[in-house]
C-alpha atoms as a PDB file:
ATOM      1  CA  UNK A   1       0.000   0.000   0.000  1.00  0.00           C
ATOM      2  CA  UNK A   2       2.834   2.391   0.867  1.00  0.00           C
ATOM      3  CA  UNK A   3       4.523   1.665  -2.481  1.00  0.00           C
ATOM      4  CA  UNK A   4       1.273   2.279  -4.358  1.00  0.00           C
ATOM      5  CA  UNK A   5       0.711   5.569  -2.543  1.00  0.00           C
ATOM      6  CA  UNK A   6       4.268   6.650  -3.300  1.00  0.00           C
ATOM      7  CA  UNK A   7       3.769   5.870  -7.007  1.00  0.00           C
ATOM      8  CA  UNK A   8       0.584   7.939  -7.084  1.00  0.00           C
ATOM      9  CA  UNK A   9       2.370  10.815  -5.368  1.00  0.00           C
ATOM     10  CA  UNK A  10       5.214  10.718  -7.879  1.00  0.00           C
ATOM     11  CA  UNK A  11       2.713  10.634 -10.742  1.00  0.00           C
ATOM     12  CA  UNK A  12       0.901  13.685  -9.390  1.00  0.00           C
ATOM     13  CA  UNK A  13       4.183  15.570  -9.181  1.00  0.00           C
ATOM     14  CA  UNK A  14       4.913  14.704 -12.799  1.00  0.00           C
ATOM     15  CA  UNK A  15       1.586  16.032 -14.081  1.00  0.00           C
ATOM     16  CA  UNK A  16       1.324  19.718 -15.034  1.00  0.00           C
ATOM     17  CA  UNK A  17      -0.878  21.481 -12.503  1.00  0.00           C
ATOM     18  CA  UNK A  18      -2.321  24.063 -14.869  1.00  0.00           C
ATOM     19  CA  UNK A  19      -2.542  22.102 -18.127  1.00  0.00           C
ATOM     20  CA  UNK A  20      -5.984  22.250 -19.683  1.00  0.00           C
ATOM     21  CA  UNK A  21      -8.025  21.941 -22.856  1.00  0.00           C
ATOM     22  CA  UNK A  22      -9.492  24.725 -24.974  1.00  0.00           C
ATOM     23  CA  UNK A  23     -12.455  23.895 -27.225  1.00  0.00           C
ATOM     24  CA  UNK A  24     -12.715  25.977 -30.409  1.00  0.00           C
ATOM     25  CA  UNK A  25     -15.641  25.814 -32.819  1.00  0.00           C
ATOM     26  CA  UNK A  26     -16.067  28.387 -35.607  1.00  0.00           C
ATOM     27  CA  UNK A  27     -18.984  26.561 -37.173  1.00  0.00           C
ATOM     28  CA  UNK A  28     -16.750  24.382 -39.329  1.00  0.00           C
ATOM     29  CA  UNK A  29     -16.039  21.589 -36.869  1.00  0.00           C
ATOM     30  CA  UNK A  30     -14.785  21.477 -33.305  1.00  0.00           C
ATOM     31  CA  UNK A  31     -11.127  21.279 -32.357  1.00  0.00           C
ATOM     32  CA  UNK A  32      -9.815  20.688 -28.852  1.00  0.00           C
ATOM     33  CA  UNK A  33      -6.373  22.098 -28.129  1.00  0.00           C
ATOM     34  CA  UNK A  34      -4.310  21.033 -25.150  1.00  0.00           C
ATOM     35  CA  UNK A  35      -1.873  23.322 -23.394  1.00  0.00           C
ATOM     36  CA  UNK A  36       1.026  21.216 -24.685  1.00  0.00           C
ATOM     37  CA  UNK A  37      -0.198  21.375 -28.286  1.00  0.00           C
ATOM     38  CA  UNK A  38      -0.586  25.144 -28.196  1.00  0.00           C
ATOM     39  CA  UNK A  39       2.831  25.665 -26.610  1.00  0.00           C
ATOM     40  CA  UNK A  40       4.362  23.501 -29.352  1.00  0.00           C
ATOM     41  CA  UNK A  41       2.887  25.481 -32.261  1.00  0.00           C
ATOM     42  CA  UNK A  42       5.479  27.029 -34.621  1.00  0.00           C
ATOM     43  CA  UNK A  43       3.692  30.402 -34.516  1.00  0.00           C
ATOM     44  CA  UNK A  44       4.048  30.689 -30.731  1.00  0.00           C
ATOM     45  CA  UNK A  45       5.620  34.046 -29.869  1.00  0.00           C
ATOM     46  CA  UNK A  46       6.664  36.158 -26.926  1.00  0.00           C
ATOM     47  CA  UNK A  47       4.105  38.964 -26.603  1.00  0.00           C
ATOM     48  CA  UNK A  48       4.392  41.998 -24.332  1.00  0.00           C
ATOM     49  CA  UNK A  49       1.222  43.788 -23.218  1.00  0.00           C
ATOM     50  CA  UNK A  50       2.130  47.237 -21.795  1.00  0.00           C
ATOM     51  CA  UNK A  51      -1.148  47.821 -19.925  1.00  0.00           C
ATOM     52  CA  UNK A  52      -2.722  44.446 -19.307  1.00  0.00           C
ATOM     53  CA  UNK A  53      -6.443  44.658 -18.504  1.00  0.00           C
ATOM     54  CA  UNK A  54      -6.530  41.795 -16.007  1.00  0.00           C
ATOM     55  CA  UNK A  55      -3.278  42.521 -14.167  1.00  0.00           C
ATOM     56  CA  UNK A  56      -3.129  46.303 -14.515  1.00  0.00           C
ATOM     57  CA  UNK A  57       0.559  46.314 -15.437  1.00  0.00           C
ATOM     58  CA  UNK A  58       2.991  45.196 -18.119  1.00  0.00           C
ATOM     59  CA  UNK A  59       2.781  41.458 -18.725  1.00  0.00           C
ATOM     60  CA  UNK A  60       4.748  39.047 -20.897  1.00  0.00           C
ATOM     61  CA  UNK A  61       3.076  36.004 -22.441  1.00  0.00           C
ATOM     62  CA  UNK A  62       3.713  33.032 -24.671  1.00  0.00           C
ATOM     63  CA  UNK A  63       0.927  33.422 -27.212  1.00  0.00           C
ATOM     64  CA  UNK A  64      -0.272  32.510 -30.694  1.00  0.00           C
ATOM     65  CA  UNK A  65      -2.210  34.787 -33.081  1.00  0.00           C
ATOM     66  CA  UNK A  66      -5.845  34.020 -32.295  1.00  0.00           C
ATOM     67  CA  UNK A  67      -7.012  34.258 -35.896  1.00  0.00           C
ATOM     68  CA  UNK A  68      -4.650  31.373 -36.752  1.00  0.00           C
ATOM     69  CA  UNK A  69      -6.836  29.131 -34.570  1.00  0.00           C
ATOM     70  CA  UNK A  70     -10.141  30.280 -36.074  1.00  0.00           C
ATOM     71  CA  UNK A  71     -10.279  28.296 -39.313  1.00  0.00           C
ATOM     72  CA  UNK A  72     -13.120  29.250 -41.642  1.00  0.00           C
ATOM     73  CA  UNK A  73     -14.152  32.365 -39.712  1.00  0.00           C
ATOM     74  CA  UNK A  74     -15.960  34.887 -41.949  1.00  0.00           C
ATOM     75  CA  UNK A  75     -16.295  38.674 -41.436  1.00  0.00           C
ATOM     76  CA  UNK A  76     -20.032  38.439 -40.665  1.00  0.00           C
ATOM     77  CA  UNK A  77     -19.622  35.783 -37.978  1.00  0.00           C
ATOM     78  CA  UNK A  78     -19.867  36.258 -34.218  1.00  0.00           C
ATOM     79  CA  UNK A  79     -17.992  34.209 -31.627  1.00  0.00           C
ATOM     80  CA  UNK A  80     -18.768  33.667 -27.978  1.00  0.00           C
ATOM     81  CA  UNK A  81     -15.878  33.351 -25.512  1.00  0.00           C
ATOM     82  CA  UNK A  82     -16.846  31.368 -22.418  1.00  0.00           C
ATOM     83  CA  UNK A  83     -14.812  31.419 -19.192  1.00  0.00           C
ATOM     84  CA  UNK A  84     -14.841  28.932 -16.343  1.00  0.00           C
ATOM     85  CA  UNK A  85     -16.145  31.541 -13.884  1.00  0.00           C
ATOM     86  CA  UNK A  86     -19.355  32.254 -15.824  1.00  0.00           C
ATOM     87  CA  UNK A  87     -18.050  35.221 -17.810  1.00  0.00           C
ATOM     88  CA  UNK A  88     -19.168  35.303 -21.442  1.00  0.00           C
ATOM     89  CA  UNK A  89     -18.084  37.754 -24.153  1.00  0.00           C
ATOM     90  CA  UNK A  90     -19.373  38.027 -27.713  1.00  0.00           C
ATOM     91  CA  UNK A  91     -16.788  39.345 -30.181  1.00  0.00           C
ATOM     92  CA  UNK A  92     -17.557  39.976 -33.870  1.00  0.00           C
ATOM     93  CA  UNK A  93     -15.305  38.335 -36.428  1.00  0.00           C
ATOM     94  CA  UNK A  94     -14.569  41.670 -38.107  1.00  0.00           C
ATOM     95  CA  UNK A  95     -12.503  42.649 -35.058  1.00  0.00           C
ATOM     96  CA  UNK A  96     -10.787  39.276 -34.744  1.00  0.00           C
ATOM     97  CA  UNK A  97      -9.847  39.135 -38.438  1.00  0.00           C
ATOM     98  CA  UNK A  98      -8.534  42.695 -38.517  1.00  0.00           C
ATOM     99  CA  UNK A  99      -4.868  42.681 -39.557  1.00  0.00           C
ATOM    100  CA  UNK A 100      -4.146  46.404 -39.737  1.00  0.00           C
ATOM    101  CA  UNK A 101      -4.783  47.539 -36.180  1.00  0.00           C
ATOM    102  CA  UNK A 102      -5.613  45.727 -32.978  1.00  0.00           C
ATOM    103  CA  UNK A 103      -4.563  42.079 -32.951  1.00  0.00           C
ATOM    104  CA  UNK A 104      -5.932  39.344 -30.700  1.00  0.00           C
ATOM    105  CA  UNK A 105      -3.589  36.759 -29.203  1.00  0.00           C
ATOM    106  CA  UNK A 106      -4.302  33.605 -27.250  1.00  0.00           C
ATOM    107  CA  UNK A 107      -1.964  33.656 -24.264  1.00  0.00           C
ATOM    108  CA  UNK A 108      -1.182  30.178 -22.944  1.00  0.00           C
ATOM    109  CA  UNK A 109      -0.144  29.616 -19.361  1.00  0.00           C
ATOM    110  CA  UNK A 110       2.877  27.322 -19.178  1.00  0.00           C
ATOM    111  CA  UNK A 111       2.439  24.900 -16.242  1.00  0.00           C
ATOM    112  CA  UNK A 112       6.182  25.196 -15.611  1.00  0.00           C
ATOM    113  CA  UNK A 113       5.960  28.998 -15.382  1.00  0.00           C
ATOM    114  CA  UNK A 114       2.477  29.833 -14.055  1.00  0.00           C
ATOM    115  CA  UNK A 115       1.201  33.383 -14.176  1.00  0.00           C
ATOM    116  CA  UNK A 116       0.838  35.346 -10.940  1.00  0.00           C
ATOM    117  CA  UNK A 117      -2.524  35.548  -9.214  1.00  0.00           C
ATOM    118  CA  UNK A 118      -4.855  38.304 -10.325  1.00  0.00           C
ATOM    119  CA  UNK A 119      -5.034  41.393  -8.109  1.00  0.00           C
ATOM    120  CA  UNK A 120      -7.825  41.890  -5.569  1.00  0.00           C
ATOM    121  CA  UNK A 121      -8.163  38.167  -4.838  1.00  0.00           C
ATOM    122  CA  UNK A 122      -9.714  37.387  -8.226  1.00  0.00           C
ATOM    123  CA  UNK A 123      -7.927  34.069  -8.636  1.00  0.00           C
ATOM    124  CA  UNK A 124      -5.958  33.021 -11.698  1.00  0.00           C
ATOM    125  CA  UNK A 125      -6.201  34.230 -15.291  1.00  0.00           C
ATOM    126  CA  UNK A 126      -5.108  30.921 -16.806  1.00  0.00           C
ATOM    127  CA  UNK A 127      -5.000  28.599 -18.464  1.00  0.00           C
ATOM    128  CA  UNK A 128      -5.969  30.659 -21.540  1.00  0.00           C
ATOM    129  CA  UNK A 129      -6.410  34.407 -21.903  1.00  0.00           C
ATOM    130  CA  UNK A 130      -7.257  36.584 -24.930  1.00  0.00           C
ATOM    131  CA  UNK A 131      -4.947  39.612 -24.959  1.00  0.00           C
ATOM    132  CA  UNK A 132      -4.631  42.422 -27.506  1.00  0.00           C
ATOM    133  CA  UNK A 133      -1.772  44.373 -29.012  1.00  0.00           C
ATOM    134  CA  UNK A 134      -2.672  47.914 -30.144  1.00  0.00           C
ATOM    135  CA  UNK A 135      -6.214  47.592 -28.714  1.00  0.00           C
ATOM    136  CA  UNK A 136      -6.982  51.297 -29.173  1.00  0.00           C
ATOM    137  CA  UNK A 137      -6.861  50.843 -32.963  1.00  0.00           C
ATOM    138  CA  UNK A 138     -10.180  48.960 -32.840  1.00  0.00           C
ATOM    139  CA  UNK A 139     -11.625  50.471 -29.639  1.00  0.00           C
ATOM    140  CA  UNK A 140     -11.280  47.132 -27.860  1.00  0.00           C
ATOM    141  CA  UNK A 141     -13.146  47.249 -24.545  1.00  0.00           C
ATOM    142  CA  UNK A 142     -11.976  45.745 -21.279  1.00  0.00           C
ATOM    143  CA  UNK A 143     -14.658  43.036 -21.498  1.00  0.00           C
ATOM    144  CA  UNK A 144     -13.106  41.786 -24.743  1.00  0.00           C
ATOM    145  CA  UNK A 145     -10.111  40.399 -22.842  1.00  0.00           C
ATOM    146  CA  UNK A 146     -11.641  37.131 -21.551  1.00  0.00           C
ATOM    147  CA  UNK A 147      -9.445  35.086 -19.231  1.00  0.00           C
ATOM    148  CA  UNK A 148      -9.959  31.663 -17.622  1.00  0.00           C
ATOM    149  CA  UNK A 149     -11.105  30.760 -21.134  1.00  0.00           C
ATOM    150  CA  UNK A 150     -12.482  27.256 -21.712  1.00  0.00           C
ATOM    151  CA  UNK A 151     -14.455  27.484 -24.954  1.00  0.00           C
ATOM    152  CA  UNK A 152     -14.881  29.542 -28.134  1.00  0.00           C
ATOM    153  CA  UNK A 153     -18.038  28.870 -30.122  1.00  0.00           C
ATOM    154  CA  UNK A 154     -20.170  30.411 -32.889  1.00  0.00           C
ATOM    155  CA  UNK A 155     -23.144  32.523 -31.957  1.00  0.00           C
ATOM    156  CA  UNK A 156     -25.653  34.948 -33.430  1.00  0.00           C
ATOM    157  CA  UNK A 157     -25.771  38.647 -32.722  1.00  0.00           C
ATOM    158  CA  UNK A 158     -27.176  39.554 -29.303  1.00  0.00           C
ATOM    159  CA  UNK A 159     -30.435  41.115 -30.532  1.00  0.00           C
ATOM    160  CA  UNK A 160     -31.318  37.936 -32.459  1.00  0.00           C
ATOM    161  CA  UNK A 161     -30.486  35.578 -29.620  1.00  0.00           C
ATOM    162  CA  UNK A 162     -31.955  37.701 -26.853  1.00  0.00           C
ATOM    163  CA  UNK A 163     -34.758  39.852 -28.295  1.00  0.00           C
ATOM    164  CA  UNK A 164     -35.970  40.972 -24.854  1.00  0.00           C
ATOM    165  CA  UNK A 165     -32.739  42.981 -24.485  1.00  0.00           C
ATOM    166  CA  UNK A 166     -33.197  44.935 -27.720  1.00  0.00           C
ATOM    167  CA  UNK A 167     -34.859  48.338 -28.142  1.00  0.00           C
ATOM    168  CA  UNK A 168     -38.046  48.432 -30.199  1.00  0.00           C
ATOM    169  CA  UNK A 169     -37.637  48.666 -33.962  1.00  0.00           C
ATOM    170  CA  UNK A 170     -39.167  52.149 -33.788  1.00  0.00           C
ATOM    171  CA  UNK A 171     -36.087  53.463 -31.960  1.00  0.00           C
ATOM    172  CA  UNK A 172     -33.926  55.298 -34.550  1.00  0.00           C
ATOM    173  CA  UNK A 173     -30.619  53.728 -35.514  1.00  0.00           C
ATOM    174  CA  UNK A 174     -28.699  56.883 -34.560  1.00  0.00           C
ATOM    175  CA  UNK A 175     -30.377  57.317 -31.164  1.00  0.00           C
ATOM    176  CA  UNK A 176     -28.479  57.388 -27.863  1.00  0.00           C
ATOM    177  CA  UNK A 177     -30.520  54.368 -26.782  1.00  0.00           C
ATOM    178  CA  UNK A 178     -29.179  52.206 -29.617  1.00  0.00           C
ATOM    179  CA  UNK A 179     -25.684  53.541 -28.947  1.00  0.00           C
ATOM    180  CA  UNK A 180     -26.164  52.511 -25.319  1.00  0.00           C
ATOM    181  CA  UNK A 181     -27.355  49.057 -26.355  1.00  0.00           C
ATOM    182  CA  UNK A 182     -24.155  48.543 -28.332  1.00  0.00           C
ATOM    183  CA  UNK A 183     -22.080  49.660 -25.336  1.00  0.00           C
ATOM    184  CA  UNK A 184     -24.130  47.424 -23.032  1.00  0.00           C
ATOM    185  CA  UNK A 185     -23.380  44.410 -25.216  1.00  0.00           C
ATOM    186  CA  UNK A 186     -19.615  44.811 -25.070  1.00  0.00           C
ATOM    187  CA  UNK A 187     -19.446  45.794 -21.382  1.00  0.00           C
ATOM    188  CA  UNK A 188     -22.325  44.925 -19.051  1.00  0.00           C
ATOM    189  CA  UNK A 189     -23.640  41.887 -20.953  1.00  0.00           C
ATOM    190  CA  UNK A 190     -20.398  39.991 -20.402  1.00  0.00           C
ATOM    191  CA  UNK A 191     -21.366  39.541 -16.734  1.00  0.00           C
ATOM    192  CA  UNK A 192     -25.085  40.358 -16.449  1.00  0.00           C
ATOM    193  CA  UNK A 193     -28.396  39.278 -17.907  1.00  0.00           C
ATOM    194  CA  UNK A 194     -31.232  41.643 -18.775  1.00  0.00           C
ATOM    195  CA  UNK A 195     -34.918  40.728 -18.727  1.00  0.00           C
ATOM    196  CA  UNK A 196     -33.774  37.239 -17.805  1.00  0.00           C
ATOM    197  CA  UNK A 197     -31.854  36.807 -21.049  1.00  0.00           C
ATOM    198  CA  UNK A 198     -28.135  36.320 -21.572  1.00  0.00           C
ATOM    199  CA  UNK A 199     -25.370  33.752 -21.186  1.00  0.00           C
ATOM    200  CA  UNK A 200     -23.323  35.256 -18.352  1.00  0.00           C
ATOM    201  CA  UNK A 201     -24.035  34.492 -14.710  1.00  0.00           C
ATOM    202  CA  UNK A 202     -21.506  36.536 -12.775  1.00  0.00           C
ATOM    203  CA  UNK A 203     -23.765  39.449 -11.852  1.00  0.00           C
ATOM    204  CA  UNK A 204     -27.477  40.083 -11.247  1.00  0.00           C
ATOM    205  CA  UNK A 205     -30.082  40.827 -13.867  1.00  0.00           C
ATOM    206  CA  UNK A 206     -30.133  44.536 -14.732  1.00  0.00           C
ATOM    207  CA  UNK A 207     -33.869  44.951 -15.331  1.00  0.00           C
ATOM    208  CA  UNK A 208     -35.851  42.482 -13.256  1.00  0.00           C
ATOM    209  CA  UNK A 209     -37.083  42.823 -10.659  1.00  0.00           C
ATOM    210  CA  UNK A 210     -35.538  46.321 -10.618  1.00  0.00           C
ATOM    211  CA  UNK A 211     -33.424  48.302 -13.044  1.00  0.00           C
ATOM    212  CA  UNK A 212     -30.512  50.178 -11.355  1.00  0.00           C
ATOM    213  CA  UNK A 213     -31.929  53.473 -12.670  1.00  0.00           C
ATOM    214  CA  UNK A 214     -34.943  52.863 -10.422  1.00  0.00           C
ATOM    215  CA  UNK A 215     -32.969  52.957  -7.178  1.00  0.00           C
ATOM    216  CA  UNK A 216     -29.843  54.960  -8.059  1.00  0.00           C
ATOM    217  CA  UNK A 217     -29.605  58.501  -9.345  1.00  0.00           C
ATOM    218  CA  UNK A 218     -27.698  58.938 -12.595  1.00  0.00           C
ATOM    219  CA  UNK A 219     -24.850  60.539 -10.626  1.00  0.00           C
ATOM    220  CA  UNK A 220     -24.540  57.568  -8.269  1.00  0.00           C
ATOM    221  CA  UNK A 221     -24.919  55.075 -11.091  1.00  0.00           C
ATOM    222  CA  UNK A 222     -22.105  56.751 -13.051  1.00  0.00           C
ATOM    223  CA  UNK A 223     -19.904  56.643  -9.956  1.00  0.00           C
ATOM    224  CA  UNK A 224     -20.753  52.990  -9.361  1.00  0.00           C
ATOM    225  CA  UNK A 225     -19.928  51.970 -12.939  1.00  0.00           C
ATOM    226  CA  UNK A 226     -16.631  53.858 -12.750  1.00  0.00           C
ATOM    227  CA  UNK A 227     -15.759  52.374  -9.347  1.00  0.00           C
ATOM    228  CA  UNK A 228     -18.188  49.935  -7.661  1.00  0.00           C
ATOM    229  CA  UNK A 229     -16.356  50.275  -4.343  1.00  0.00           C
ATOM    230  CA  UNK A 230     -17.211  53.998  -4.253  1.00  0.00           C
ATOM    231  CA  UNK A 231     -20.837  53.121  -3.563  1.00  0.00           C
ATOM    232  CA  UNK A 232     -20.566  50.010  -1.439  1.00  0.00           C
ATOM    233  CA  UNK A 233     -17.307  48.830   0.115  1.00  0.00           C
ATOM    234  CA  UNK A 234     -17.086  45.092  -0.519  1.00  0.00           C
ATOM    235  CA  UNK A 235     -13.648  43.429  -0.755  1.00  0.00           C
ATOM    236  CA  UNK A 236     -15.186  40.304  -2.298  1.00  0.00           C
ATOM    237  CA  UNK A 237     -16.940  42.225  -5.074  1.00  0.00           C
ATOM    238  CA  UNK A 238     -16.047  40.940  -8.545  1.00  0.00           C
ATOM    239  CA  UNK A 239     -16.987  43.996 -10.592  1.00  0.00           C
ATOM    240  CA  UNK A 240     -13.846  45.966 -11.368  1.00  0.00           C
ATOM    241  CA  UNK A 241     -15.525  48.999 -12.934  1.00  0.00           C
ATOM    242  CA  UNK A 242     -14.527  51.188 -15.863  1.00  0.00           C
ATOM    243  CA  UNK A 243     -12.388  53.936 -14.329  1.00  0.00           C
ATOM    244  CA  UNK A 244     -10.851  55.551 -17.416  1.00  0.00           C
ATOM    245  CA  UNK A 245     -11.961  57.158 -20.654  1.00  0.00           C
ATOM    246  CA  UNK A 246     -10.040  54.432 -22.470  1.00  0.00           C
ATOM    247  CA  UNK A 247     -12.084  51.672 -20.822  1.00  0.00           C
ATOM    248  CA  UNK A 248     -15.414  53.545 -21.150  1.00  0.00           C
ATOM    249  CA  UNK A 249     -15.807  57.077 -22.462  1.00  0.00           C
ATOM    250  CA  UNK A 250     -18.201  59.548 -20.855  1.00  0.00           C
ATOM    251  CA  UNK A 251     -20.310  59.482 -24.031  1.00  0.00           C
ATOM    252  CA  UNK A 252     -20.532  55.677 -23.890  1.00  0.00           C
ATOM    253  CA  UNK A 253     -21.333  55.778 -20.187  1.00  0.00           C
ATOM    254  CA  UNK A 254     -24.140  58.301 -20.727  1.00  0.00           C
ATOM    255  CA  UNK A 255     -25.492  56.195 -23.579  1.00  0.00           C
ATOM    256  CA  UNK A 256     -25.646  52.966 -21.571  1.00  0.00           C
ATOM    257  CA  UNK A 257     -27.487  54.801 -18.779  1.00  0.00           C
ATOM    258  CA  UNK A 258     -29.951  56.112 -21.375  1.00  0.00           C
ATOM    259  CA  UNK A 259     -30.450  52.525 -22.566  1.00  0.00           C
ATOM    260  CA  UNK A 260     -31.064  51.325 -19.000  1.00  0.00           C
ATOM    261  CA  UNK A 261     -33.628  54.086 -18.427  1.00  0.00           C
ATOM    262  CA  UNK A 262     -35.382  52.998 -21.615  1.00  0.00           C
ATOM    263  CA  UNK A 263     -35.349  49.297 -20.697  1.00  0.00           C
ATOM    264  CA  UNK A 264     -36.768  50.060 -17.232  1.00  0.00           C
ATOM    265  CA  UNK A 265     -40.037  50.702 -19.098  1.00  0.00           C
ATOM    266  CA  UNK A 266     -39.734  47.419 -21.037  1.00  0.00           C
ATOM    267  CA  UNK A 267     -39.556  44.768 -18.338  1.00  0.00           C
ATOM    268  CA  UNK A 268     -40.025  41.179 -19.390  1.00  0.00           C
ATOM    269  CA  UNK A 269     -40.123  38.040 -17.262  1.00  0.00           C
ATOM    270  CA  UNK A 270     -38.512  35.714 -19.828  1.00  0.00           C
END
């Protein structure tokens, strides 16, 4: 028994602690990549991210160009990035296929050189993390840097999949409400549902039973979105906020609040 236990212990030591699988489906068949396979790819590179969204500082990664893993992806497609903690981000293919500005990379955590823990007790970013070089070139938002990634899969646009989140067709295309809906999709919808619809399960629903515009003034709501801890001190809170103009401009912030005000009058119990 002691010999068997010793063998099991030695085997556990030999196994990589952070190795994992990443499932990728672009609608043309599913491929599962292991950590070892990704780290062995010939297009693996050293990538430096000067202002990393998750860590808040310069980070260095072993990474592969994400578009190289997305066989068959077309400009009109949408992909959903699913994390192990319930985070979900939809990213249009036009951004991912862009080769003249922002570029997406899949950072792979090497089990022999694990990444540091995330700040504010948020756990680990590995084993896979989508990072961007030159993100400002395509106005990449902070919610388009999904970490703890486990799956990439095809999806439809948000309004088609979740019609109870969309403004009425009578709302003009150039209105602040539609602008706010677009901002909502790339920021809030990565963690929250609205009218009971959405894929993410990290935060509460933002319309039922109550919309935040119903119990917070616009001034307090702006402050909360910029820095959640400014309203309610909670060390365990997961929402990091959008403190800078680069992460969320004042115009975008005003637009998403306008959208929330509008949706407060369009509650649905789906």
